Amino acid sequence: MTKSAIVLLLALGIANAAPHTILLVDDHDILYRSGTVRVLHPAQRHPQNPVILQDKPWEVAIGWTSIHRDAKTGKYQLWYQAYAGKRAGDKRLECVVCYAESEDGVRFVKPEFDFHPFKEFKKTNIVLIGNGGYGDRYCNSVLVDTNEKDPSRRYKMAYYDWSVVDGREYPGLHVAFSQDGIRWTKHNKGPLNRTAYGGRGQPPPFADEDIYQESPGKNGALRKTWRYPLTMSDAADVFYDPVRAVFAIYGKMWMDAPDGTMAWKHGMGRIESKDFLHWSKPQFLLGPDDQDTPDAEFHTSPVFFYADRYFCLNQIMDRRAKGAIDIELMTSRDGLVWERSFRQPYFLARSEAGQFDSRCLFSNSTPIVLDDEIRFYYGAYNQSPIGGVRAETGHRSGVGLATIPRDRFAGVRPVSKSSQPTLKKPLENIGQITLKPRDLTGVKTISINADASKGEVRLEVLTEDGYRIRGFSKDDAVPVQGDSLNHSVAWKGRNLSQLPPGRYMLRLHLNNAEVFAIYLP
């Protein structure tokens, strides 16, 4: 990873992990483990939810969000989609981007600007509006690029909208830039990546056929269709990919139906760009599989990079449940091949009926990493996203906050009982994790993120061939006890500087304890 990439990730607030953080969310760093099980730890809602209420006339439904925390000042900036629909009286104001800010990330205020009035309201917190095209401007994803040499483009936003090119209107990806995250300038060309619109139940066009069609719609209105195959859809979540040194957008991508017709359901797609203006051809990565219900699809799939891993807060929509959306945690080592190890329980599930987030959850690609916790902000409402939002009695919407203790996405703990015939006697709550050999040259201390409040953890060092080392065995290890995000490990009278330079295996012995991460600073 380049130095500039690390600087940008630090600015985004998602690269605060130690240089050698081994998360036990997957088995990539593990040679093998015995008598253990991996357990997902779902995010927990903040008691003051929602942190942003729907309390403005232009906020009938709040969806997509992005958030940034200034590492120096601690100030939070949050952008969120607010939908008003036909009530706006102006096509450009039907679905807008709003702005809020906070000193602590919990109590937000909505500043008033005179950029975009809404009906009789001369001042609003609206910072970007639509072009007024055939369909709505939709979604918003913001990142802060500290490597950008042009101050006016330090803040970058990706969103979906409509633009006219050579006399014809097209839907697709649009971008905007800002110096402060408040005053935005739309890029004068778009769409930068064209997308399909309509065409459900139709076969893909022939290669020599016009993708655009017109047909009579309801009430005599003209129905327009853009039949692009293999395109992204109407959502975009952007982040900086430090491995490839590109900006990457993950979002909805259409899958064809069993009979080969278009616009059946959504999977996960990806595009990338070096300059935020010229984007690659969409790449389809993942769709619902045999383990999903027949009505399940991916609503959209925001990705972030943390501790040498790609994480996705995948929105699982169930059309059978009238568009209910829950959040599934997915992981990847390269951002292309994804593991769905945590299908149930959900990382963040809908709340009970009556709450603002009881139907739809809209995750994003901008978690906030603090010293002791990771914060996940999300938009939500208590209606289906299918067919438009209705502001009838009981409608609720807002921005929520959910958290996990630092690095505790998932942990490894012993199974309650191991009683295989190869054991001399059954073992209860005993397990071990052996890491792949690694070079420990220069490593002076090791710490672990573990809950050993009901037991203990001991760290053993072995040669890369599996031999124990005197002074660093399980019996020589000082037991780690208690619950801490950063336990120091030690041995009786020995320290790591006494090990000859070379490659070693670390083995964690678990006795009724759970380990989440290992730190090698």
Protein backbone atom coordinates (compact mmCIF):
# COMPACT_ATOMS: atom_id res chain seq x y z
CA MET A 1 0.00 0.00 0.00
CA THR A 2 1.39 3.40 -0.96
CA LYS A 3 2.10 6.13 1.58
CA SER A 4 -0.45 8.42 -0.08
CA ALA A 5 -3.09 5.69 0.13
CA ILE A 6 -2.45 5.28 3.86
CA VAL A 7 -2.70 9.06 4.36
CA LEU A 8 -6.04 9.13 2.54
CA LEU A 9 -7.43 6.22 4.53
CA LEU A 10 -6.42 7.87 7.78
CA ALA A 11 -8.25 11.00 6.69
CA LEU A 12 -11.33 8.95 5.88
CA GLY A 13 -11.24 7.55 9.41
CA ILE A 14 -11.21 3.90 8.38
CA ALA A 15 -7.52 2.99 8.50
CA ASN A 16 -6.86 3.47 12.19
CA ALA A 17 -5.97 -0.19 12.62
CA ALA A 18 -2.43 -1.02 13.76
CA PRO A 19 -0.02 -1.85 10.90
CA HIS A 20 -0.37 -5.57 11.62
CA THR A 21 -3.90 -6.09 12.84
CA ILE A 22 -5.07 -9.67 12.49
CA LEU A 23 -8.86 -9.71 12.62
CA LEU A 24 -10.38 -13.10 13.33
CA VAL A 25 -13.38 -12.27 11.16
CA ASP A 26 -12.06 -14.83 8.66
CA ASP A 27 -9.48 -17.65 8.49
CA HIS A 28 -7.05 -15.94 6.12
CA ASP A 29 -4.26 -15.65 8.73
CA ILE A 30 -5.12 -18.93 10.45
CA LEU A 31 -3.30 -22.19 9.67
CA TYR A 32 -5.94 -24.18 11.51
CA ARG A 33 -8.04 -24.04 14.65
CA SER A 34 -9.32 -26.85 16.84
CA GLY A 35 -12.44 -27.05 18.98
CA THR A 36 -13.58 -23.54 18.11
CA VAL A 37 -16.40 -21.70 16.41
CA ARG A 38 -16.58 -18.22 14.90
CA VAL A 39 -19.42 -16.01 16.14
CA LEU A 40 -20.74 -12.81 14.56
CA HIS A 41 -21.32 -9.87 16.91
CA PRO A 42 -24.17 -7.77 15.47
CA ALA A 43 -23.99 -4.00 15.72
CA GLN A 44 -25.95 -2.47 18.59
CA ARG A 45 -28.26 0.51 18.13
CA HIS A 46 -27.47 3.73 19.95
CA PRO A 47 -29.99 4.51 22.73
CA GLN A 48 -30.61 8.00 21.31
CA ASN A 49 -31.72 6.75 17.89
CA PRO A 50 -32.65 8.25 15.54
CA VAL A 51 -29.80 10.74 15.64
CA ILE A 52 -31.48 12.68 12.82
CA LEU A 53 -35.26 13.00 12.67
CA GLN A 54 -37.46 13.62 9.67
CA ASP A 55 -38.75 17.05 10.71
CA LYS A 56 -38.65 19.15 7.54
CA PRO A 57 -41.23 19.31 4.71
CA TRP A 58 -38.60 18.03 2.24
CA GLU A 59 -37.83 15.01 4.46
CA VAL A 60 -40.75 12.64 3.84
CA ALA A 61 -38.29 9.74 3.66
CA ILE A 62 -34.58 9.67 4.54
CA GLY A 63 -32.41 7.12 2.76
CA TRP A 64 -28.77 7.10 1.66
CA THR A 65 -26.18 8.60 3.99
CA SER A 66 -22.46 9.37 4.06
CA ILE A 67 -20.48 10.66 7.02
CA HIS A 68 -17.02 12.11 7.60
CA ARG A 69 -15.22 12.87 10.86
CA ASP A 70 -12.37 15.35 10.84
CA ALA A 71 -9.51 13.61 12.64
CA LYS A 72 -8.11 16.92 13.94
CA THR A 73 -11.26 18.69 15.13
CA GLY A 74 -13.52 15.70 15.76
CA LYS A 75 -16.36 17.40 13.87
CA TYR A 76 -18.82 15.16 12.04
CA GLN A 77 -20.31 16.03 8.65
CA LEU A 78 -23.26 13.97 7.46
CA TRP A 79 -25.02 13.97 4.10
CA TYR A 80 -28.37 12.26 3.65
CA GLN A 81 -30.95 11.74 0.95
CA ALA A 82 -34.34 13.31 1.61
CA TYR A 83 -37.30 12.36 -0.56
CA ALA A 84 -40.44 14.49 -0.86
CA GLY A 85 -41.83 13.21 -4.17
CA LYS A 86 -44.58 15.13 -5.97
CA ARG A 87 -45.22 17.17 -2.82
CA ALA A 88 -42.15 19.21 -3.75
CA GLY A 89 -43.90 20.83 -6.70
CA ASP A 90 -40.56 20.95 -8.55
CA LYS A 91 -39.03 17.89 -10.17
CA ARG A 92 -35.54 18.98 -9.10
CA LEU A 93 -36.59 19.01 -5.43
CA GLU A 94 -38.33 15.65 -5.29
CA CYS A 95 -35.19 13.84 -4.06
CA VAL A 96 -32.39 15.99 -2.64
CA VAL A 97 -29.16 15.79 -0.65
CA CYS A 98 -29.26 17.39 2.80
CA TYR A 99 -26.50 18.25 5.25
CA ALA A 100 -26.11 18.01 9.05
CA GLU A 101 -23.18 18.32 11.42
CA SER A 102 -22.26 17.34 14.95
CA GLU A 103 -19.53 17.72 17.54
CA ASP A 104 -20.00 14.26 19.04
CA GLY A 105 -21.65 12.21 16.29
CA VAL A 106 -24.87 11.85 18.27
CA ARG A 107 -26.42 15.31 18.55
CA PHE A 108 -26.72 16.73 15.04
CA VAL A 109 -27.86 20.16 13.87
CA LYS A 110 -29.18 21.09 10.44
CA PRO A 111 -27.65 24.39 9.31
CA GLU A 112 -29.79 26.65 7.12
CA PHE A 113 -28.50 27.86 3.75
CA ASP A 114 -30.04 29.92 1.00
CA PHE A 115 -28.77 27.62 -1.77
CA HIS A 116 -32.00 25.74 -2.50
CA PRO A 117 -35.33 27.12 -1.19
CA PHE A 118 -38.23 24.69 -0.79
CA LYS A 119 -41.67 26.22 -1.36
CA GLU A 120 -42.12 28.97 1.22
CA PHE A 121 -38.90 28.04 3.04
CA LYS A 122 -36.20 30.44 1.83
CA LYS A 123 -33.50 28.68 3.83
CA THR A 124 -32.99 24.92 4.01
CA ASN A 125 -30.25 22.39 4.71
CA ILE A 126 -30.47 21.15 1.10
CA VAL A 127 -27.03 21.19 -0.55
CA LEU A 128 -27.69 19.43 -3.87
CA ILE A 129 -30.78 18.99 -6.05
CA GLY A 130 -31.63 16.96 -9.14
CA ASN A 131 -31.44 17.93 -12.81
CA GLY A 132 -35.18 17.45 -13.23
CA GLY A 133 -34.95 14.51 -15.61
CA TYR A 134 -37.32 11.70 -16.56
CA GLY A 135 -36.70 9.99 -13.23
CA ASP A 136 -35.47 11.10 -9.82
CA ARG A 137 -31.99 12.13 -8.75
CA TYR A 138 -31.10 9.34 -6.37
CA CYS A 139 -28.64 8.32 -3.62
CA ASN A 140 -25.50 10.16 -2.49
CA SER A 141 -22.07 8.96 -1.49
CA VAL A 142 -19.37 11.36 -0.27
CA LEU A 143 -15.68 10.92 0.49
CA VAL A 144 -13.00 13.42 1.48
CA ASP A 145 -9.87 13.17 -0.65
CA THR A 146 -6.92 14.69 1.23
CA ASN A 147 -4.59 13.89 -1.68
CA GLU A 148 -6.57 16.13 -4.04
CA LYS A 149 -4.41 19.07 -5.15
CA ASP A 150 -7.40 21.18 -6.20
CA PRO A 151 -9.07 22.42 -2.96
CA SER A 152 -12.40 22.82 -4.77
CA ARG A 153 -12.47 19.04 -5.41
CA ARG A 154 -11.43 17.84 -1.97
CA TYR A 155 -14.95 16.61 -1.26
CA LYS A 156 -16.27 14.22 -3.89
CA MET A 157 -19.85 13.01 -4.31
CA ALA A 158 -21.24 10.24 -6.51
CA TYR A 159 -24.97 10.03 -7.22
CA TYR A 160 -27.53 8.93 -9.83
CA ASP A 161 -29.29 11.44 -12.07
CA TRP A 162 -30.34 12.27 -15.63
CA SER A 163 -28.57 14.32 -18.32
CA VAL A 164 -29.09 15.15 -21.97
CA VAL A 165 -26.38 14.07 -24.43
CA ASP A 166 -26.72 14.95 -28.13
CA GLY A 167 -30.41 15.67 -27.74
CA ARG A 168 -31.30 12.48 -25.84
CA GLU A 169 -31.68 12.03 -22.10
CA TYR A 170 -29.76 9.26 -20.33
CA PRO A 171 -29.72 7.98 -16.73
CA GLY A 172 -26.57 7.08 -14.85
CA LEU A 173 -23.67 8.08 -12.65
CA HIS A 174 -23.06 11.76 -11.93
CA VAL A 175 -20.49 13.43 -9.67
CA ALA A 176 -20.10 16.72 -7.85
CA PHE A 177 -17.23 18.44 -6.04
CA SER A 178 -16.88 20.75 -3.05
CA GLN A 179 -14.24 22.51 -0.99
CA ASP A 180 -16.13 22.26 2.30
CA GLY A 181 -18.81 19.61 1.79
CA ILE A 182 -21.52 22.27 1.82
CA ARG A 183 -21.22 24.26 -1.41
CA TRP A 184 -21.31 21.73 -4.24
CA THR A 185 -20.59 22.12 -7.96
CA LYS A 186 -21.92 19.45 -10.31
CA HIS A 187 -19.52 18.16 -12.93
CA ASN A 188 -20.67 19.56 -16.25
CA LYS A 189 -20.77 16.23 -18.06
CA GLY A 190 -22.93 13.23 -17.39
CA PRO A 191 -23.80 10.54 -17.07
CA LEU A 192 -20.27 9.24 -16.60
CA ASN A 193 -21.51 5.66 -16.59
CA ARG A 194 -24.85 5.01 -18.28
CA THR A 195 -27.35 2.66 -16.67
CA ALA A 196 -30.41 0.72 -17.71
CA TYR A 197 -33.86 2.02 -16.83
CA GLY A 198 -37.02 -0.02 -17.36
CA GLY A 199 -37.10 -3.01 -19.67
CA ARG A 200 -38.34 -5.51 -17.11
CA GLY A 201 -39.50 -8.66 -18.91
CA GLN A 202 -37.87 -7.72 -22.23
CA PRO A 203 -34.97 -9.61 -23.81
CA PRO A 204 -31.64 -7.78 -24.09
CA PRO A 205 -31.36 -5.77 -27.31
CA PHE A 206 -29.34 -7.03 -30.24
CA ALA A 207 -25.89 -5.50 -30.58
CA ASP A 208 -27.03 -3.45 -33.61
CA GLU A 209 -30.33 -2.36 -32.00
CA ASP A 210 -31.12 1.00 -30.39
CA ILE A 211 -31.19 0.64 -26.60
CA TYR A 212 -33.80 3.42 -26.32
CA GLN A 213 -37.53 2.72 -26.67
CA GLU A 214 -40.72 4.72 -26.28
CA SER A 215 -44.19 3.26 -25.70
CA PRO A 216 -47.60 4.43 -24.40
CA GLY A 217 -47.80 4.48 -20.62
CA LYS A 218 -50.54 4.99 -18.09
CA ASN A 219 -52.94 7.88 -18.63
CA GLY A 220 -51.48 8.54 -22.06
CA ALA A 221 -48.02 9.44 -20.72
CA LEU A 222 -44.99 8.45 -22.74
CA ARG A 223 -43.07 5.53 -21.28
CA LYS A 224 -39.31 5.59 -21.90
CA THR A 225 -36.93 2.64 -21.61
CA TRP A 226 -33.12 2.42 -21.75
CA ARG A 227 -32.25 -1.26 -22.32
CA TYR A 228 -28.56 -1.45 -21.47
CA PRO A 229 -27.50 -4.99 -20.49
CA LEU A 230 -25.03 -5.59 -17.64
CA THR A 231 -25.17 -2.12 -16.12
CA MET A 232 -25.21 -0.68 -12.67
CA SER A 233 -28.57 0.49 -11.39
CA ASP A 234 -29.75 3.57 -9.48
CA ALA A 235 -27.39 3.49 -6.49
CA ALA A 236 -23.75 4.24 -5.84
CA ASP A 237 -21.49 3.89 -2.80
CA VAL A 238 -17.93 5.09 -3.34
CA PHE A 239 -14.73 4.50 -1.36
CA TYR A 240 -11.00 4.64 -2.01
CA ASP A 241 -9.44 1.25 -2.74
CA PRO A 242 -5.84 1.48 -1.44
CA VAL A 243 -4.78 -1.86 -2.88
CA ARG A 244 -5.49 -0.82 -6.47
CA ALA A 245 -5.09 2.94 -5.82
CA VAL A 246 -8.46 3.74 -7.41
CA PHE A 247 -11.84 5.11 -6.45
CA ALA A 248 -14.34 2.25 -6.49
CA ILE A 249 -18.12 2.24 -6.56
CA TYR A 250 -20.14 -0.77 -5.49
CA GLY A 251 -23.88 -0.86 -6.00
CA LYS A 252 -26.87 -2.52 -7.58
CA MET A 253 -26.30 -4.36 -10.85
CA TRP A 254 -29.08 -6.00 -12.80
CA MET A 255 -29.35 -9.77 -13.25
CA ASP A 256 -31.44 -11.27 -16.06
CA ALA A 257 -34.40 -13.53 -15.23
CA PRO A 258 -34.59 -17.34 -15.63
CA ASP A 259 -36.08 -16.84 -19.11
CA GLY A 260 -33.29 -14.43 -20.09
CA THR A 261 -35.34 -11.25 -19.86
CA MET A 262 -33.96 -8.10 -18.29
CA ALA A 263 -34.29 -6.32 -14.91
CA TRP A 264 -35.11 -9.39 -12.87
CA LYS A 265 -33.34 -8.62 -9.60
CA HIS A 266 -30.21 -6.91 -8.29
CA GLY A 267 -26.80 -8.33 -7.50
CA MET A 268 -23.51 -6.65 -6.61
CA GLY A 269 -21.59 -4.68 -9.25
CA ARG A 270 -18.40 -2.62 -9.26
CA ILE A 271 -16.78 0.16 -11.31
CA GLU A 272 -13.53 2.01 -10.69
CA SER A 273 -11.73 5.20 -11.66
CA LYS A 274 -8.34 6.85 -11.21
CA ASP A 275 -9.66 10.41 -11.47
CA PHE A 276 -13.32 10.17 -10.37
CA LEU A 277 -14.41 11.13 -13.90
CA HIS A 278 -13.54 8.24 -16.20
CA TRP A 279 -15.08 5.00 -14.96
CA SER A 280 -14.55 1.40 -15.98
CA LYS A 281 -17.07 -0.94 -17.51
CA PRO A 282 -19.30 -2.47 -14.78
CA GLN A 283 -18.17 -5.80 -13.40
CA PHE A 284 -20.77 -8.17 -11.94
CA LEU A 285 -19.38 -9.73 -8.75
CA LEU A 286 -22.05 -11.52 -6.77
CA GLY A 287 -25.75 -12.28 -6.70
CA PRO A 288 -28.24 -14.15 -4.52
CA ASP A 289 -27.55 -17.88 -4.42
CA ASP A 290 -29.14 -21.19 -3.46
CA GLN A 291 -29.04 -20.37 0.25
CA ASP A 292 -31.09 -17.20 -0.21
CA THR A 293 -34.86 -17.20 -0.39
CA PRO A 294 -36.29 -16.99 -3.94
CA ASP A 295 -37.45 -13.42 -3.31
CA ALA A 296 -34.14 -12.13 -1.96
CA GLU A 297 -31.93 -9.69 -3.82
CA PHE A 298 -29.20 -7.19 -3.00
CA HIS A 299 -30.63 -3.71 -2.67
CA THR A 300 -27.12 -2.25 -2.79
CA SER A 301 -23.73 -3.29 -1.44
CA PRO A 302 -21.54 -0.54 0.10
CA VAL A 303 -17.91 -1.54 0.70
CA PHE A 304 -15.14 -0.17 2.93
CA PHE A 305 -11.52 -1.18 3.48
CA TYR A 306 -10.22 -1.80 6.98
CA ALA A 307 -7.31 -3.78 8.46
CA ASP A 308 -6.25 -5.27 5.12
CA ARG A 309 -9.76 -6.53 4.40
CA TYR A 310 -12.72 -5.42 2.36
CA PHE A 311 -16.01 -5.34 4.23
CA CYS A 312 -19.48 -5.01 2.73
CA LEU A 313 -22.64 -4.01 4.61
CA ASN A 314 -24.83 -5.77 2.07
CA GLN A 315 -28.48 -4.75 2.00
CA ILE A 316 -30.61 -7.90 1.68
CA MET A 317 -34.06 -7.04 0.36
CA ASP A 318 -36.89 -9.56 0.56
CA ARG A 319 -39.64 -8.71 -1.93
CA ARG A 320 -41.89 -11.33 -0.36
CA ALA A 321 -41.83 -9.19 2.79
CA LYS A 322 -42.80 -6.13 0.69
CA GLY A 323 -39.27 -4.82 0.39
CA ALA A 324 -37.93 -5.43 3.89
CA ILE A 325 -34.18 -4.70 4.06
CA ASP A 326 -31.68 -6.07 6.59
CA ILE A 327 -27.88 -5.69 6.65
CA GLU A 328 -25.58 -8.69 6.15
CA LEU A 329 -21.84 -8.47 6.81
CA MET A 330 -19.68 -9.84 3.97
CA THR A 331 -15.87 -10.02 3.76
CA SER A 332 -13.29 -10.23 1.00
CA ARG A 333 -9.52 -10.30 0.66
CA ASP A 334 -9.43 -8.68 -2.80
CA GLY A 335 -12.73 -6.81 -3.14
CA LEU A 336 -13.83 -9.12 -5.94
CA VAL A 337 -14.41 -12.57 -4.42
CA TRP A 338 -16.74 -12.33 -1.45
CA GLU A 339 -17.45 -14.59 1.52
CA ARG A 340 -20.93 -14.68 3.00
CA SER A 341 -20.05 -16.35 6.29
CA PHE A 342 -22.50 -14.32 8.39
CA ARG A 343 -25.91 -14.70 6.78
CA GLN A 344 -27.64 -15.17 10.12
CA PRO A 345 -27.96 -13.40 12.36
CA TYR A 346 -27.85 -10.15 10.41
CA PHE A 347 -25.14 -7.66 11.28
CA LEU A 348 -27.95 -5.12 11.63
CA ALA A 349 -31.54 -6.29 11.45
CA ARG A 350 -34.73 -4.30 11.20
CA SER A 351 -36.15 -3.20 14.53
CA GLU A 352 -39.58 -4.03 15.88
CA ALA A 353 -42.74 -2.60 14.36
CA GLY A 354 -43.44 1.03 15.12
CA GLN A 355 -39.81 2.16 15.08
CA PHE A 356 -38.38 4.43 12.40
CA ASP A 357 -36.14 1.59 11.15
CA SER A 358 -38.61 -1.29 11.19
CA ARG A 359 -38.74 -1.81 7.40
CA CYS A 360 -35.74 -0.49 5.41
CA LEU A 361 -32.10 -0.02 6.40
CA PHE A 362 -29.71 1.81 4.06
CA SER A 363 -26.06 1.17 4.97
CA ASN A 364 -23.08 3.12 3.61
CA SER A 365 -19.34 2.89 2.89
CA THR A 366 -18.22 5.36 5.57
CA PRO A 367 -17.91 3.79 9.03
CA ILE A 368 -16.23 5.92 11.68
CA VAL A 369 -13.41 4.21 13.59
CA LEU A 370 -12.75 5.56 17.08
CA ASP A 371 -10.35 4.37 19.77
CA ASP A 372 -12.89 2.13 21.46
CA GLU A 373 -15.68 1.58 18.93
CA ILE A 374 -16.66 1.57 15.26
CA ARG A 375 -19.75 3.59 14.33
CA PHE A 376 -22.12 2.73 11.51
CA TYR A 377 -24.64 5.36 10.42
CA TYR A 378 -27.62 4.35 8.33
CA GLY A 379 -30.76 5.83 6.81
CA ALA A 380 -34.05 4.09 7.47
CA TYR A 381 -37.82 4.22 7.30
CA ASN A 382 -40.75 2.08 8.28
CA GLN A 383 -42.20 1.55 4.79
CA SER A 384 -41.31 -0.54 1.76
CA PRO A 385 -38.91 1.07 -0.74
CA ILE A 386 -40.93 -0.47 -3.57
CA GLY A 387 -43.45 1.76 -5.31
CA GLY A 388 -42.64 5.07 -3.62
CA VAL A 389 -43.07 6.36 -0.08
CA ARG A 390 -46.48 7.39 1.20
CA ALA A 391 -46.67 9.99 3.96
CA GLU A 392 -49.69 8.48 5.65
CA THR A 393 -50.23 8.47 9.39
CA GLY A 394 -47.54 6.53 11.21
CA HIS A 395 -44.78 7.10 8.67
CA ARG A 396 -41.38 7.46 10.32
CA SER A 397 -37.91 8.01 8.91
CA GLY A 398 -34.45 9.13 10.01
CA VAL A 399 -30.76 8.42 10.40
CA GLY A 400 -29.71 5.81 12.91
CA LEU A 401 -26.42 4.92 14.59
CA ALA A 402 -25.23 1.42 15.47
CA THR A 403 -21.86 0.47 16.97
CA ILE A 404 -19.54 -2.40 17.75
CA PRO A 405 -16.61 -2.37 20.19
CA ARG A 406 -13.39 -1.73 18.29
CA ASP A 407 -12.59 -4.65 15.90
CA ARG A 408 -15.30 -6.91 17.31
CA PHE A 409 -17.01 -7.85 14.06
CA ALA A 410 -16.73 -11.52 14.96
CA GLY A 411 -14.83 -13.60 17.47
CA VAL A 412 -13.51 -17.14 17.81
CA ARG A 413 -14.43 -19.07 20.94
CA PRO A 414 -14.28 -22.73 22.04
CA VAL A 415 -17.20 -25.04 21.41
CA SER A 416 -18.97 -26.10 24.57
CA LYS A 417 -17.69 -29.68 24.31
CA SER A 418 -15.18 -31.58 22.17
CA SER A 419 -15.59 -35.34 22.51
CA GLN A 420 -14.00 -36.80 19.36
CA PRO A 421 -12.55 -40.33 19.68
CA THR A 422 -9.07 -38.93 19.02
CA LEU A 423 -9.16 -37.10 22.36
CA LYS A 424 -8.06 -38.92 25.50
CA LYS A 425 -10.96 -37.33 27.32
CA PRO A 426 -13.76 -34.87 26.46
CA LEU A 427 -12.87 -31.18 26.69
CA GLU A 428 -15.26 -28.45 27.75
CA ASN A 429 -14.80 -24.86 26.50
CA ILE A 430 -11.24 -25.57 25.38
CA GLY A 431 -9.90 -24.64 21.95
CA GLN A 432 -6.84 -23.33 20.14
CA ILE A 433 -6.05 -21.12 17.14
CA THR A 434 -2.76 -21.61 15.29
CA LEU A 435 -1.74 -18.77 13.00
CA LYS A 436 0.22 -19.21 9.79
CA PRO A 437 3.99 -18.70 10.17
CA ARG A 438 5.06 -15.05 10.04
CA ASP A 439 8.23 -13.05 10.46
CA LEU A 440 8.38 -11.61 13.99
CA THR A 441 11.61 -9.69 13.42
CA GLY A 442 11.28 -6.32 15.13
CA VAL A 443 8.04 -7.25 16.93
CA LYS A 444 8.61 -6.38 20.57
CA THR A 445 5.06 -6.68 21.93
CA ILE A 446 1.86 -8.51 21.08
CA SER A 447 -1.60 -7.65 22.33
CA ILE A 448 -5.00 -9.21 21.81
CA ASN A 449 -8.60 -8.04 21.75
CA ALA A 450 -10.36 -10.65 23.85
CA ASP A 451 -13.14 -11.34 26.31
CA ALA A 452 -11.65 -13.63 28.95
CA SER A 453 -13.93 -12.49 31.75
CA LYS A 454 -15.03 -16.09 32.39
CA GLY A 455 -11.78 -17.83 31.59
CA GLU A 456 -8.33 -17.13 30.15
CA VAL A 457 -6.19 -16.94 27.03
CA ARG A 458 -2.54 -17.99 26.79
CA LEU A 459 -0.28 -17.20 23.83
CA GLU A 460 2.28 -19.79 22.80
CA VAL A 461 5.12 -19.30 20.29
CA LEU A 462 6.21 -22.19 18.06
CA THR A 463 8.80 -22.50 15.31
CA GLU A 464 7.44 -22.38 11.78
CA ASP A 465 7.82 -26.18 11.76
CA GLY A 466 5.58 -26.52 14.80
CA TYR A 467 8.09 -27.09 17.60
CA ARG A 468 7.52 -25.45 20.98
CA ILE A 469 10.11 -22.97 22.20
CA ARG A 470 11.31 -23.16 25.79
CA GLY A 471 10.20 -20.12 27.74
CA PHE A 472 7.39 -19.35 25.28
CA SER A 473 5.16 -22.39 25.76
CA LYS A 474 1.59 -22.45 26.98
CA ASP A 475 2.76 -23.16 30.53
CA ASP A 476 5.22 -20.25 30.40
CA ALA A 477 2.53 -17.78 29.26
CA VAL A 478 1.00 -15.34 31.72
CA PRO A 479 -2.79 -15.95 31.59
CA VAL A 480 -4.82 -13.16 29.97
CA GLN A 481 -8.00 -12.58 31.95
CA GLY A 482 -10.80 -10.04 31.89
CA ASP A 483 -12.49 -8.23 29.01
CA SER A 484 -10.36 -5.70 27.12
CA LEU A 485 -9.88 -4.35 23.61
CA ASN A 486 -6.12 -4.41 24.17
CA HIS A 487 -4.69 -7.08 26.47
CA SER A 488 -0.90 -7.25 26.63
CA VAL A 489 0.47 -10.78 26.45
CA ALA A 490 3.58 -11.91 28.30
CA TRP A 491 5.66 -14.88 29.37
CA LYS A 492 7.27 -15.57 32.74
CA GLY A 493 10.68 -13.96 32.66
CA ARG A 494 10.92 -13.88 28.85
CA ASN A 495 10.12 -11.35 26.12
CA LEU A 496 9.93 -11.37 22.33
CA SER A 497 13.25 -9.56 21.89
CA GLN A 498 14.95 -12.76 23.11
CA LEU A 499 13.67 -14.72 20.12
CA PRO A 500 16.18 -15.11 17.25
CA PRO A 501 15.05 -13.30 14.07
CA GLY A 502 12.86 -15.51 11.91
CA ARG A 503 9.41 -16.90 11.21
CA TYR A 504 7.20 -18.28 13.96
CA MET A 505 3.70 -19.57 14.55
CA LEU A 506 1.53 -18.01 17.23
CA ARG A 507 -0.94 -20.27 19.00
CA LEU A 508 -3.79 -18.93 21.14
CA HIS A 509 -5.01 -21.35 23.81
CA LEU A 510 -8.61 -20.51 24.74
CA ASN A 511 -10.19 -21.60 27.99
CA ASN A 512 -13.79 -20.37 28.04
CA ALA A 513 -12.70 -17.14 26.31
CA GLU A 514 -13.24 -15.37 22.97
CA VAL A 515 -10.63 -13.61 20.82
CA PHE A 516 -11.43 -10.97 18.19
CA ALA A 517 -8.09 -9.59 17.02
CA ILE A 518 -4.33 -9.82 17.45
CA TYR A 519 -2.10 -6.73 17.23
CA LEU A 520 1.56 -6.81 16.20
CA PRO A 521 2.69 -3.16 16.37
